[in-house]
């Protein structure tokens, strides 16, 4: 089941924010699927609209500190958004931000973010019930317990898992993070929770691993807290990516079969991604498709429900990554011709 609503905006330009997260990421991929005659004929079987969940303050408090959640629901919200989205640089100047172009206040962005958290929770519910679900949203894996980071105000991944755990629908989960950036917030939030096992394959250099591992007091930097399985890929190692991912997935199996897997399916390792900080990884479209189908087959063969989140992906071409993957999966699920994932 694919969760998508054209009314759920992803673009940030309404707020004067100039980070390239266009709505076309989802829209073009969805339209590509609709253009396929066989898939369009069965659209009522694979498309879910709208998001019916409603994330609450209680959901956020399962993951984030009380003080931080209170700031998000107070006059301090805009300051948190400015810091999380890096809208002011170290010299006090606007950075990728022009408030004169805004048509909505920054505080309204929080409502959209909560909608995406809701979508992630729903994606996990649907995946658990049906075996597969993809949500065109979510994957904010940098948010920490007491602060936002890297365009991620709250960590919807861990929120969704802990919500389903609190409802006793699931006990254990895997997080398979293939976004270009290390899933540092998820690793930190789950480091003492044996019920959630994390795998992150990411750029070995660059943000968020471009600072010092330890602070002046010898404390480990939050971004360097290890996942259960970390797979750093360095510039020029693209040909090793799929092999290393396969090795990581095989190691993940050693943690025991979970009730649910959440796949943070970022498209930003794609060579046509437009975010400068992802230049370390430049996978071709074929490599991205191989990556995604490897994970799909791995989970399917082990009968592990998979909830996929769109996560990072910047610019006008990244929709191709989602379209290629979802077309192949839907063809497989409906046992149509040219299906190759199984």
C-alpha atoms as a PDB file:
ATOM      1  CA  UNK A   1       0.000   0.000   0.000  1.00  0.00           C
ATOM      2  CA  UNK A   2       1.311   3.438  -0.956  1.00  0.00           C
ATOM      3  CA  UNK A   3       0.287   6.363   1.237  1.00  0.00           C
ATOM      4  CA  UNK A   4       0.150   9.605  -0.712  1.00  0.00           C
ATOM      5  CA  UNK A   5      -1.992  12.716  -0.702  1.00  0.00           C
ATOM      6  CA  UNK A   6      -1.334  15.607  -3.056  1.00  0.00           C
ATOM      7  CA  UNK A   7      -2.680  17.942  -0.373  1.00  0.00           C
ATOM      8  CA  UNK A   8       0.102  16.983   2.035  1.00  0.00           C
ATOM      9  CA  UNK A   9       2.721  19.507   0.958  1.00  0.00           C
ATOM     10  CA  UNK A  10       6.415  18.742   1.293  1.00  0.00           C
ATOM     11  CA  UNK A  11       7.862  21.874  -0.326  1.00  0.00           C
ATOM     12  CA  UNK A  12       9.337  24.430   2.092  1.00  0.00           C
ATOM     13  CA  UNK A  13       9.079  27.526  -0.128  1.00  0.00           C
ATOM     14  CA  UNK A  14       5.791  28.574   1.503  1.00  0.00           C
ATOM     15  CA  UNK A  15       7.898  29.413   4.553  1.00  0.00           C
ATOM     16  CA  UNK A  16      10.664  31.216   2.667  1.00  0.00           C
ATOM     17  CA  UNK A  17      13.002  28.241   3.135  1.00  0.00           C
ATOM     18  CA  UNK A  18      15.202  27.561   0.106  1.00  0.00           C
ATOM     19  CA  UNK A  19      16.133  23.915   0.745  1.00  0.00           C
ATOM     20  CA  UNK A  20      15.388  21.904  -2.455  1.00  0.00           C
ATOM     21  CA  UNK A  21      12.632  19.573  -1.220  1.00  0.00           C
ATOM     22  CA  UNK A  22      10.105  19.945  -4.070  1.00  0.00           C
ATOM     23  CA  UNK A  23       6.664  18.355  -4.027  1.00  0.00           C
ATOM     24  CA  UNK A  24       7.568  16.833  -7.389  1.00  0.00           C
ATOM     25  CA  UNK A  25       9.553  14.135  -5.561  1.00  0.00           C
ATOM     26  CA  UNK A  26       6.280  12.466  -4.638  1.00  0.00           C
ATOM     27  CA  UNK A  27       4.032  13.843  -7.386  1.00  0.00           C
ATOM     28  CA  UNK A  28       6.184  12.717 -10.321  1.00  0.00           C
ATOM     29  CA  UNK A  29       6.744   9.268  -8.842  1.00  0.00           C
ATOM     30  CA  UNK A  30       3.031   8.843  -8.155  1.00  0.00           C
ATOM     31  CA  UNK A  31       2.115  10.024 -11.657  1.00  0.00           C
ATOM     32  CA  UNK A  32       4.648   7.575 -13.107  1.00  0.00           C
ATOM     33  CA  UNK A  33       2.860   4.714 -11.361  1.00  0.00           C
ATOM     34  CA  UNK A  34      -0.520   5.949 -12.561  1.00  0.00           C
ATOM     35  CA  UNK A  35       0.795   6.101 -16.128  1.00  0.00           C
ATOM     36  CA  UNK A  36       1.418   2.339 -16.080  1.00  0.00           C
ATOM     37  CA  UNK A  37      -1.710   0.760 -17.621  1.00  0.00           C
ATOM     38  CA  UNK A  38      -1.767  -2.354 -15.461  1.00  0.00           C
ATOM     39  CA  UNK A  39      -0.991  -0.529 -12.210  1.00  0.00           C
ATOM     40  CA  UNK A  40      -3.431   2.277 -12.901  1.00  0.00           C
ATOM     41  CA  UNK A  41      -6.178  -0.301 -13.411  1.00  0.00           C
ATOM     42  CA  UNK A  42      -5.548  -1.514  -9.837  1.00  0.00           C
ATOM     43  CA  UNK A  43      -4.860   1.848  -8.190  1.00  0.00           C
ATOM     44  CA  UNK A  44      -7.660   1.299  -5.680  1.00  0.00           C
ATOM     45  CA  UNK A  45      -5.697  -1.701  -4.398  1.00  0.00           C
ATOM     46  CA  UNK A  46      -2.402   0.090  -3.756  1.00  0.00           C
ATOM     47  CA  UNK A  47      -3.148   3.769  -3.115  1.00  0.00           C
ATOM     48  CA  UNK A  48      -4.239   5.036   0.295  1.00  0.00           C
ATOM     49  CA  UNK A  49      -5.390   8.623   0.829  1.00  0.00           C
ATOM     50  CA  UNK A  50      -5.482  10.574   3.080  1.00  0.00           C
ATOM     51  CA  UNK A  51      -3.436  10.038   6.237  1.00  0.00           C
ATOM     52  CA  UNK A  52      -5.949   9.150   8.934  1.00  0.00           C
ATOM     53  CA  UNK A  53      -3.641   9.115  11.958  1.00  0.00           C
ATOM     54  CA  UNK A  54      -3.136  12.162  14.176  1.00  0.00           C
ATOM     55  CA  UNK A  55       0.148  12.325  16.082  1.00  0.00           C
ATOM     56  CA  UNK A  56      -0.204  13.738  19.589  1.00  0.00           C
ATOM     57  CA  UNK A  57       2.010  15.288  22.210  1.00  0.00           C
ATOM     58  CA  UNK A  58       1.904  11.941  24.005  1.00  0.00           C
ATOM     59  CA  UNK A  59       3.401  10.257  20.944  1.00  0.00           C
ATOM     60  CA  UNK A  60       6.272  12.758  20.894  1.00  0.00           C
ATOM     61  CA  UNK A  61       6.907  12.324  24.623  1.00  0.00           C
ATOM     62  CA  UNK A  62       7.623   8.632  24.091  1.00  0.00           C
ATOM     63  CA  UNK A  63      10.849   9.711  22.379  1.00  0.00           C
ATOM     64  CA  UNK A  64      11.660  13.340  23.123  1.00  0.00           C
ATOM     65  CA  UNK A  65      12.288  15.086  26.437  1.00  0.00           C
ATOM     66  CA  UNK A  66       9.451  16.867  28.167  1.00  0.00           C
ATOM     67  CA  UNK A  67      11.332  20.166  28.050  1.00  0.00           C
ATOM     68  CA  UNK A  68      11.883  19.918  24.291  1.00  0.00           C
ATOM     69  CA  UNK A  69       8.275  18.955  23.532  1.00  0.00           C
ATOM     70  CA  UNK A  70       7.066  21.876  25.648  1.00  0.00           C
ATOM     71  CA  UNK A  71       9.260  24.243  23.577  1.00  0.00           C
ATOM     72  CA  UNK A  72       7.723  22.886  20.382  1.00  0.00           C
ATOM     73  CA  UNK A  73       4.242  23.679  21.702  1.00  0.00           C
ATOM     74  CA  UNK A  74       5.217  27.167  22.885  1.00  0.00           C
ATOM     75  CA  UNK A  75       6.491  30.531  21.644  1.00  0.00           C
ATOM     76  CA  UNK A  76       9.932  28.928  21.408  1.00  0.00           C
ATOM     77  CA  UNK A  77       8.871  26.890  18.367  1.00  0.00           C
ATOM     78  CA  UNK A  78      10.189  29.295  15.717  1.00  0.00           C
ATOM     79  CA  UNK A  79      13.632  29.400  17.349  1.00  0.00           C
ATOM     80  CA  UNK A  80      13.742  25.603  17.243  1.00  0.00           C
ATOM     81  CA  UNK A  81      12.774  25.575  13.553  1.00  0.00           C
ATOM     82  CA  UNK A  82      15.399  28.196  12.684  1.00  0.00           C
ATOM     83  CA  UNK A  83      18.106  26.176  14.434  1.00  0.00           C
ATOM     84  CA  UNK A  84      17.005  22.789  13.101  1.00  0.00           C
ATOM     85  CA  UNK A  85      16.789  23.961   9.490  1.00  0.00           C
ATOM     86  CA  UNK A  86      19.988  26.040   9.838  1.00  0.00           C
ATOM     87  CA  UNK A  87      18.272  29.219   8.634  1.00  0.00           C
ATOM     88  CA  UNK A  88      20.768  31.582  10.282  1.00  0.00           C
ATOM     89  CA  UNK A  89      24.529  31.130   9.896  1.00  0.00           C
ATOM     90  CA  UNK A  90      27.300  31.710  12.434  1.00  0.00           C
ATOM     91  CA  UNK A  91      27.534  35.388  11.457  1.00  0.00           C
ATOM     92  CA  UNK A  92      23.841  35.962  12.101  1.00  0.00           C
ATOM     93  CA  UNK A  93      22.857  36.153   8.426  1.00  0.00           C
ATOM     94  CA  UNK A  94      19.971  34.334   6.821  1.00  0.00           C
ATOM     95  CA  UNK A  95      21.053  31.039   5.266  1.00  0.00           C
ATOM     96  CA  UNK A  96      18.879  29.381   2.586  1.00  0.00           C
ATOM     97  CA  UNK A  97      16.070  31.516   3.999  1.00  0.00           C
ATOM     98  CA  UNK A  98      14.227  34.584   2.744  1.00  0.00           C
ATOM     99  CA  UNK A  99      11.338  35.473   5.048  1.00  0.00           C
ATOM    100  CA  UNK A 100      10.144  38.096   2.533  1.00  0.00           C
ATOM    101  CA  UNK A 101       9.110  35.235   0.244  1.00  0.00           C
ATOM    102  CA  UNK A 102       7.157  33.438   2.952  1.00  0.00           C
ATOM    103  CA  UNK A 103       3.389  33.160   2.623  1.00  0.00           C
ATOM    104  CA  UNK A 104       3.009  31.197   5.853  1.00  0.00           C
ATOM    105  CA  UNK A 105       4.572  31.727   9.300  1.00  0.00           C
ATOM    106  CA  UNK A 106       7.344  29.349  10.342  1.00  0.00           C
ATOM    107  CA  UNK A 107       5.160  28.054  13.157  1.00  0.00           C
ATOM    108  CA  UNK A 108       2.805  26.505  10.589  1.00  0.00           C
ATOM    109  CA  UNK A 109       5.635  24.233   9.483  1.00  0.00           C
ATOM    110  CA  UNK A 110       5.209  22.317  12.742  1.00  0.00           C
ATOM    111  CA  UNK A 111       1.675  21.341  11.714  1.00  0.00           C
ATOM    112  CA  UNK A 112       3.023  19.847   8.484  1.00  0.00           C
ATOM    113  CA  UNK A 113       5.723  18.016  10.405  1.00  0.00           C
ATOM    114  CA  UNK A 114       3.136  16.495  12.744  1.00  0.00           C
ATOM    115  CA  UNK A 115       1.163  15.385   9.671  1.00  0.00           C
ATOM    116  CA  UNK A 116       4.253  13.536   8.468  1.00  0.00           C
ATOM    117  CA  UNK A 117       4.715  11.889  11.855  1.00  0.00           C
ATOM    118  CA  UNK A 118       1.105  10.779  11.557  1.00  0.00           C
ATOM    119  CA  UNK A 119       1.847   9.387   8.103  1.00  0.00           C
ATOM    120  CA  UNK A 120       4.785   7.398   9.426  1.00  0.00           C
ATOM    121  CA  UNK A 121       2.692   5.878  12.202  1.00  0.00           C
ATOM    122  CA  UNK A 122       0.042   4.928   9.655  1.00  0.00           C
ATOM    123  CA  UNK A 123       2.685   3.487   7.315  1.00  0.00           C
ATOM    124  CA  UNK A 124       3.919   1.231  10.114  1.00  0.00           C
ATOM    125  CA  UNK A 125       0.387   0.095  10.953  1.00  0.00           C
ATOM    126  CA  UNK A 126      -0.384  -0.733   7.317  1.00  0.00           C
ATOM    127  CA  UNK A 127       2.930  -2.534   6.817  1.00  0.00           C
ATOM    128  CA  UNK A 128       2.393  -4.623   9.930  1.00  0.00           C
ATOM    129  CA  UNK A 129      -1.088  -5.595   8.751  1.00  0.00           C
ATOM    130  CA  UNK A 130      -0.346  -6.105   5.047  1.00  0.00           C
ATOM    131  CA  UNK A 131       3.401  -6.788   4.808  1.00  0.00           C
ATOM    132  CA  UNK A 132       4.429  -3.744   2.763  1.00  0.00           C
ATOM    133  CA  UNK A 133       3.747  -0.033   2.841  1.00  0.00           C
ATOM    134  CA  UNK A 134       5.470   3.026   1.397  1.00  0.00           C
ATOM    135  CA  UNK A 135       4.834   6.564   2.663  1.00  0.00           C
ATOM    136  CA  UNK A 136       5.775   9.609   0.626  1.00  0.00           C
ATOM    137  CA  UNK A 137       7.064  11.406   3.705  1.00  0.00           C
ATOM    138  CA  UNK A 138       8.857  10.792   6.984  1.00  0.00           C
ATOM    139  CA  UNK A 139      12.347   9.562   7.749  1.00  0.00           C
ATOM    140  CA  UNK A 140      13.524  12.432   9.960  1.00  0.00           C
ATOM    141  CA  UNK A 141      16.396  10.450  11.433  1.00  0.00           C
ATOM    142  CA  UNK A 142      18.622  13.252  12.770  1.00  0.00           C
ATOM    143  CA  UNK A 143      16.336  14.554  15.530  1.00  0.00           C
ATOM    144  CA  UNK A 144      17.682  13.878  19.022  1.00  0.00           C
ATOM    145  CA  UNK A 145      15.863  13.531  22.337  1.00  0.00           C
ATOM    146  CA  UNK A 146      16.171  17.179  23.323  1.00  0.00           C
ATOM    147  CA  UNK A 147      16.734  19.029  20.059  1.00  0.00           C
ATOM    148  CA  UNK A 148      16.195  18.942  16.316  1.00  0.00           C
ATOM    149  CA  UNK A 149      19.005  18.591  13.808  1.00  0.00           C
ATOM    150  CA  UNK A 150      19.627  18.325  10.075  1.00  0.00           C
ATOM    151  CA  UNK A 151      16.160  19.496   8.935  1.00  0.00           C
ATOM    152  CA  UNK A 152      14.602  16.978  11.380  1.00  0.00           C
ATOM    153  CA  UNK A 153      12.533  18.555  14.154  1.00  0.00           C
ATOM    154  CA  UNK A 154      11.281  15.266  15.651  1.00  0.00           C
ATOM    155  CA  UNK A 155      12.236  11.640  15.015  1.00  0.00           C
ATOM    156  CA  UNK A 156       9.147  10.134  13.415  1.00  0.00           C
ATOM    157  CA  UNK A 157      10.853   6.749  12.954  1.00  0.00           C
ATOM    158  CA  UNK A 158      11.313   6.041  16.649  1.00  0.00           C
ATOM    159  CA  UNK A 159       8.028   7.755  17.525  1.00  0.00           C
ATOM    160  CA  UNK A 160       6.124   5.368  15.256  1.00  0.00           C
ATOM    161  CA  UNK A 161       7.894   2.268  16.530  1.00  0.00           C
ATOM    162  CA  UNK A 162       7.378   3.169  20.171  1.00  0.00           C
ATOM    163  CA  UNK A 163       3.749   4.053  19.518  1.00  0.00           C
ATOM    164  CA  UNK A 164       3.081   0.575  18.127  1.00  0.00           C
ATOM    165  CA  UNK A 165       5.052  -0.934  20.993  1.00  0.00           C
ATOM    166  CA  UNK A 166       3.009   1.035  23.536  1.00  0.00           C
ATOM    167  CA  UNK A 167      -0.150  -0.331  21.918  1.00  0.00           C
ATOM    168  CA  UNK A 168       1.377  -3.838  22.161  1.00  0.00           C
ATOM    169  CA  UNK A 169       1.015  -4.362  18.426  1.00  0.00           C
ATOM    170  CA  UNK A 170       4.743  -5.072  18.084  1.00  0.00           C
ATOM    171  CA  UNK A 171       7.604  -5.849  20.424  1.00  0.00           C
ATOM    172  CA  UNK A 172      10.703  -5.567  18.228  1.00  0.00           C
ATOM    173  CA  UNK A 173      11.744  -3.618  15.145  1.00  0.00           C
ATOM    174  CA  UNK A 174      14.626  -3.103  12.758  1.00  0.00           C
ATOM    175  CA  UNK A 175      15.516   0.273  11.295  1.00  0.00           C
ATOM    176  CA  UNK A 176      17.298  -0.079   7.949  1.00  0.00           C
ATOM    177  CA  UNK A 177      18.600   3.379   7.059  1.00  0.00           C
ATOM    178  CA  UNK A 178      19.950   3.869   3.535  1.00  0.00           C
ATOM    179  CA  UNK A 179      19.780   7.667   3.471  1.00  0.00           C
ATOM    180  CA  UNK A 180      23.067   9.303   2.440  1.00  0.00           C
ATOM    181  CA  UNK A 181      23.582  10.701   5.947  1.00  0.00           C
ATOM    182  CA  UNK A 182      24.130   8.580   9.051  1.00  0.00           C
ATOM    183  CA  UNK A 183      20.972   7.959  11.054  1.00  0.00           C
ATOM    184  CA  UNK A 184      22.554   9.559  14.090  1.00  0.00           C
ATOM    185  CA  UNK A 185      19.421  10.609  15.934  1.00  0.00           C
ATOM    186  CA  UNK A 186      17.866   7.165  15.616  1.00  0.00           C
ATOM    187  CA  UNK A 187      21.081   5.516  16.853  1.00  0.00           C
ATOM    188  CA  UNK A 188      21.245   7.823  19.868  1.00  0.00           C
ATOM    189  CA  UNK A 189      17.562   7.438  20.782  1.00  0.00           C
ATOM    190  CA  UNK A 190      17.677   3.632  20.629  1.00  0.00           C
ATOM    191  CA  UNK A 191      21.203   2.978  21.959  1.00  0.00           C
ATOM    192  CA  UNK A 192      19.927   1.456  25.205  1.00  0.00           C
ATOM    193  CA  UNK A 193      16.823  -0.174  23.726  1.00  0.00           C
ATOM    194  CA  UNK A 194      17.466  -3.803  22.696  1.00  0.00           C
ATOM    195  CA  UNK A 195      13.994  -4.022  21.146  1.00  0.00           C
ATOM    196  CA  UNK A 196      15.074  -1.731  18.257  1.00  0.00           C
ATOM    197  CA  UNK A 197      18.041  -2.754  16.094  1.00  0.00           C
ATOM    198  CA  UNK A 198      19.540  -0.143  13.775  1.00  0.00           C
ATOM    199  CA  UNK A 199      21.525  -0.427  10.549  1.00  0.00           C
ATOM    200  CA  UNK A 200      22.845   2.676   8.790  1.00  0.00           C
ATOM    201  CA  UNK A 201      24.772   2.706   5.503  1.00  0.00           C
ATOM    202  CA  UNK A 202      25.925   6.247   4.836  1.00  0.00           C
ATOM    203  CA  UNK A 203      28.675   8.607   3.708  1.00  0.00           C
ATOM    204  CA  UNK A 204      31.842   7.888   5.647  1.00  0.00           C
ATOM    205  CA  UNK A 205      32.860  11.549   5.416  1.00  0.00           C
ATOM    206  CA  UNK A 206      30.858  14.737   5.711  1.00  0.00           C
ATOM    207  CA  UNK A 207      27.896  15.849   7.778  1.00  0.00           C
ATOM    208  CA  UNK A 208      26.943  14.775  10.449  1.00  0.00           C
ATOM    209  CA  UNK A 209      30.351  13.126  10.927  1.00  0.00           C
ATOM    210  CA  UNK A 210      32.376  16.219  10.089  1.00  0.00           C
ATOM    211  CA  UNK A 211      32.903  17.394  13.662  1.00  0.00           C
ATOM    212  CA  UNK A 212      35.001  16.106  16.526  1.00  0.00           C
ATOM    213  CA  UNK A 213      33.947  12.709  17.907  1.00  0.00           C
ATOM    214  CA  UNK A 214      34.410  13.919  21.496  1.00  0.00           C
ATOM    215  CA  UNK A 215      33.806  17.264  23.188  1.00  0.00           C
ATOM    216  CA  UNK A 216      36.215  19.021  25.548  1.00  0.00           C
ATOM    217  CA  UNK A 217      35.007  16.951  28.503  1.00  0.00           C
ATOM    218  CA  UNK A 218      35.560  13.669  26.659  1.00  0.00           C
ATOM    219  CA  UNK A 219      31.853  13.041  26.035  1.00  0.00           C
ATOM    220  CA  UNK A 220      31.009  11.296  22.766  1.00  0.00           C
ATOM    221  CA  UNK A 221      29.335  13.599  20.262  1.00  0.00           C
ATOM    222  CA  UNK A 222      25.691  12.542  19.746  1.00  0.00           C
ATOM    223  CA  UNK A 223      26.226  12.087  16.007  1.00  0.00           C
ATOM    224  CA  UNK A 224      28.998   9.551  16.621  1.00  0.00           C
ATOM    225  CA  UNK A 225      26.921   7.222  18.790  1.00  0.00           C
ATOM    226  CA  UNK A 226      27.094   3.972  16.806  1.00  0.00           C
ATOM    227  CA  UNK A 227      24.175   2.196  15.221  1.00  0.00           C
ATOM    228  CA  UNK A 228      24.045  -1.534  15.900  1.00  0.00           C
ATOM    229  CA  UNK A 229      25.474  -1.888  12.393  1.00  0.00           C
ATOM    230  CA  UNK A 230      27.240   1.066  10.761  1.00  0.00           C
ATOM    231  CA  UNK A 231      28.452   0.849   7.162  1.00  0.00           C
ATOM    232  CA  UNK A 232      30.436   3.925   6.112  1.00  0.00           C
ATOM    233  CA  UNK A 233      30.930   4.387   2.362  1.00  0.00           C
ATOM    234  CA  UNK A 234      33.691   6.732   1.278  1.00  0.00           C
ATOM    235  CA  UNK A 235      34.063   8.731  -1.922  1.00  0.00           C
ATOM    236  CA  UNK A 236      34.912   6.456  -4.839  1.00  0.00           C
ATOM    237  CA  UNK A 237      33.498   3.341  -3.156  1.00  0.00           C
ATOM    238  CA  UNK A 238      30.177   3.336  -5.006  1.00  0.00           C
ATOM    239  CA  UNK A 239      31.011  -0.005  -6.641  1.00  0.00           C
ATOM    240  CA  UNK A 240      31.214  -1.566  -3.155  1.00  0.00           C
ATOM    241  CA  UNK A 241      27.941  -0.134  -1.899  1.00  0.00           C
ATOM    242  CA  UNK A 242      25.587  -3.002  -2.727  1.00  0.00           C
ATOM    243  CA  UNK A 243      28.046  -5.666  -1.550  1.00  0.00           C
ATOM    244  CA  UNK A 244      28.575  -3.921   1.777  1.00  0.00           C
ATOM    245  CA  UNK A 245      24.840  -3.450   2.209  1.00  0.00           C
ATOM    246  CA  UNK A 246      24.270  -7.163   1.609  1.00  0.00           C
ATOM    247  CA  UNK A 247      26.884  -7.991   4.252  1.00  0.00           C
ATOM    248  CA  UNK A 248      25.171  -5.625   6.666  1.00  0.00           C
ATOM    249  CA  UNK A 249      21.745  -7.145   6.062  1.00  0.00           C
ATOM    250  CA  UNK A 250      23.137 -10.618   6.702  1.00  0.00           C
ATOM    251  CA  UNK A 251      24.629  -9.359   9.970  1.00  0.00           C
ATOM    252  CA  UNK A 252      21.299  -7.771  10.890  1.00  0.00           C
ATOM    253  CA  UNK A 253      19.654 -11.164  10.672  1.00  0.00           C
ATOM    254  CA  UNK A 254      21.807 -12.229  13.624  1.00  0.00           C
ATOM    255  CA  UNK A 255      19.769  -9.954  15.900  1.00  0.00           C
ATOM    256  CA  UNK A 256      16.688 -12.106  15.455  1.00  0.00           C
ATOM    257  CA  UNK A 257      13.594 -11.664  13.319  1.00  0.00           C
ATOM    258  CA  UNK A 258      11.642  -8.525  14.275  1.00  0.00           C
ATOM    259  CA  UNK A 259       7.928  -7.820  14.171  1.00  0.00           C
ATOM    260  CA  UNK A 260       8.470  -4.874  11.818  1.00  0.00           C
ATOM    261  CA  UNK A 261      11.219  -3.238   9.756  1.00  0.00           C
ATOM    262  CA  UNK A 262      11.247   0.488   9.028  1.00  0.00           C
ATOM    263  CA  UNK A 263      13.275   1.351   5.930  1.00  0.00           C
ATOM    264  CA  UNK A 264      14.559   4.929   5.743  1.00  0.00           C
ATOM    265  CA  UNK A 265      14.709   4.910   1.943  1.00  0.00           C
ATOM    266  CA  UNK A 266      16.482   8.183   1.206  1.00  0.00           C
ATOM    267  CA  UNK A 267      17.154   8.970  -2.464  1.00  0.00           C
ATOM    268  CA  UNK A 268      20.023  11.337  -1.673  1.00  0.00           C
ATOM    269  CA  UNK A 269      22.829   8.857  -2.502  1.00  0.00           C
ATOM    270  CA  UNK A 270      21.617   9.245  -6.121  1.00  0.00           C
ATOM    271  CA  UNK A 271      24.122  10.928  -8.420  1.00  0.00           C
ATOM    272  CA  UNK A 272      21.528  13.509  -9.518  1.00  0.00           C
ATOM    273  CA  UNK A 273      20.665  14.601  -5.969  1.00  0.00           C
ATOM    274  CA  UNK A 274      21.122  18.372  -5.624  1.00  0.00           C
ATOM    275  CA  UNK A 275      22.112  18.775  -1.968  1.00  0.00           C
ATOM    276  CA  UNK A 276      25.826  19.706  -1.847  1.00  0.00           C
ATOM    277  CA  UNK A 277      26.480  17.676   1.308  1.00  0.00           C
ATOM    278  CA  UNK A 278      25.588  14.431  -0.500  1.00  0.00           C
ATOM    279  CA  UNK A 279      28.331  14.766  -3.125  1.00  0.00           C
ATOM    280  CA  UNK A 280      30.363  12.058  -1.365  1.00  0.00           C
ATOM    281  CA  UNK A 281      27.976   9.388  -2.709  1.00  0.00           C
ATOM    282  CA  UNK A 282      27.032   9.235  -6.388  1.00  0.00           C
ATOM    283  CA  UNK A 283      25.106   6.033  -7.069  1.00  0.00           C
ATOM    284  CA  UNK A 284      23.562   5.470 -10.482  1.00  0.00           C
ATOM    285  CA  UNK A 285      19.852   4.857 -10.907  1.00  0.00           C
ATOM    286  CA  UNK A 286      20.578   1.162 -11.507  1.00  0.00           C
ATOM    287  CA  UNK A 287      22.575   0.981  -8.264  1.00  0.00           C
ATOM    288  CA  UNK A 288      19.791   2.708  -6.349  1.00  0.00           C
ATOM    289  CA  UNK A 289      17.254   0.271  -7.757  1.00  0.00           C
ATOM    290  CA  UNK A 290      19.493  -2.673  -6.845  1.00  0.00           C
ATOM    291  CA  UNK A 291      19.843  -1.268  -3.321  1.00  0.00           C
ATOM    292  CA  UNK A 292      16.111  -0.929  -2.802  1.00  0.00           C
ATOM    293  CA  UNK A 293      15.147  -4.269  -4.311  1.00  0.00           C
ATOM    294  CA  UNK A 294      17.820  -6.055  -2.284  1.00  0.00           C
ATOM    295  CA  UNK A 295      16.199  -4.783   0.913  1.00  0.00           C
ATOM    296  CA  UNK A 296      12.730  -5.621  -0.384  1.00  0.00           C
ATOM    297  CA  UNK A 297      13.745  -9.200  -1.231  1.00  0.00           C
ATOM    298  CA  UNK A 298      15.605  -9.596   2.078  1.00  0.00           C
ATOM    299  CA  UNK A 299      12.513  -8.671   4.088  1.00  0.00           C
ATOM    300  CA  UNK A 300      10.089 -10.582   1.873  1.00  0.00           C
ATOM    301  CA  UNK A 301      12.102 -13.800   2.074  1.00  0.00           C
ATOM    302  CA  UNK A 302      12.063 -13.587   5.872  1.00  0.00           C
ATOM    303  CA  UNK A 303       8.398 -12.577   6.092  1.00  0.00           C
ATOM    304  CA  UNK A 304       9.277  -9.327   7.858  1.00  0.00           C
ATOM    305  CA  UNK A 305       6.741  -6.519   7.289  1.00  0.00           C
ATOM    306  CA  UNK A 306       8.423  -3.495   5.722  1.00  0.00           C
ATOM    307  CA  UNK A 307       7.394   0.142   6.274  1.00  0.00           C
ATOM    308  CA  UNK A 308       9.255   2.384   3.812  1.00  0.00           C
ATOM    309  CA  UNK A 309       9.719   6.125   4.315  1.00  0.00           C
ATOM    310  CA  UNK A 310      10.738   8.587   1.585  1.00  0.00           C
ATOM    311  CA  UNK A 311      13.366  10.343   3.771  1.00  0.00           C
ATOM    312  CA  UNK A 312      16.067  12.512   2.127  1.00  0.00           C
ATOM    313  CA  UNK A 313      16.107  13.356  -1.559  1.00  0.00           C
ATOM    314  CA  UNK A 314      16.775  16.807  -2.991  1.00  0.00           C
ATOM    315  CA  UNK A 315      16.083  18.380  -6.371  1.00  0.00           C
ATOM    316  CA  UNK A 316      14.032  17.671  -9.460  1.00  0.00           C
ATOM    317  CA  UNK A 317      15.366  14.242 -10.467  1.00  0.00           C
ATOM    318  CA  UNK A 318      15.241  12.133  -7.301  1.00  0.00           C
ATOM    319  CA  UNK A 319      11.649  11.075  -8.000  1.00  0.00           C
ATOM    320  CA  UNK A 320      13.118   8.568 -10.458  1.00  0.00           C
ATOM    321  CA  UNK A 321      14.528   6.526  -7.574  1.00  0.00           C
ATOM    322  CA  UNK A 322      11.148   6.069  -5.898  1.00  0.00           C
ATOM    323  CA  UNK A 323       9.340   5.467  -9.191  1.00  0.00           C
ATOM    324  CA  UNK A 324      11.692   2.676 -10.311  1.00  0.00           C
ATOM    325  CA  UNK A 325      11.485   0.909  -6.965  1.00  0.00           C
ATOM    326  CA  UNK A 326       7.735   1.183  -6.461  1.00  0.00           C
ATOM    327  CA  UNK A 327       6.894   0.096  -9.985  1.00  0.00           C
ATOM    328  CA  UNK A 328       8.949  -3.081  -9.511  1.00  0.00           C
ATOM    329  CA  UNK A 329       7.418  -3.789  -6.092  1.00  0.00           C
ATOM    330  CA  UNK A 330       3.833  -3.295  -7.231  1.00  0.00           C
ATOM    331  CA  UNK A 331       4.402  -5.503 -10.255  1.00  0.00           C
ATOM    332  CA  UNK A 332       5.726  -8.168  -7.902  1.00  0.00           C
ATOM    333  CA  UNK A 333       2.941  -7.832  -5.353  1.00  0.00           C
ATOM    334  CA  UNK A 334       0.300  -8.182  -8.051  1.00  0.00           C
ATOM    335  CA  UNK A 335       2.298 -10.908  -9.829  1.00  0.00           C
ATOM    336  CA  UNK A 336       2.278  -8.985 -13.090  1.00  0.00           C
ATOM    337  CA  UNK A 337       4.656  -9.504 -16.017  1.00  0.00           C
ATOM    338  CA  UNK A 338       8.245  -8.253 -15.829  1.00  0.00           C
ATOM    339  CA  UNK A 339       8.240  -8.527 -12.055  1.00  0.00           C
ATOM    340  CA  UNK A 340      11.810  -9.218 -10.962  1.00  0.00           C
ATOM    341  CA  UNK A 341      12.142  -8.632  -7.169  1.00  0.00           C
ATOM    342  CA  UNK A 342      11.224 -12.166  -6.056  1.00  0.00           C
END
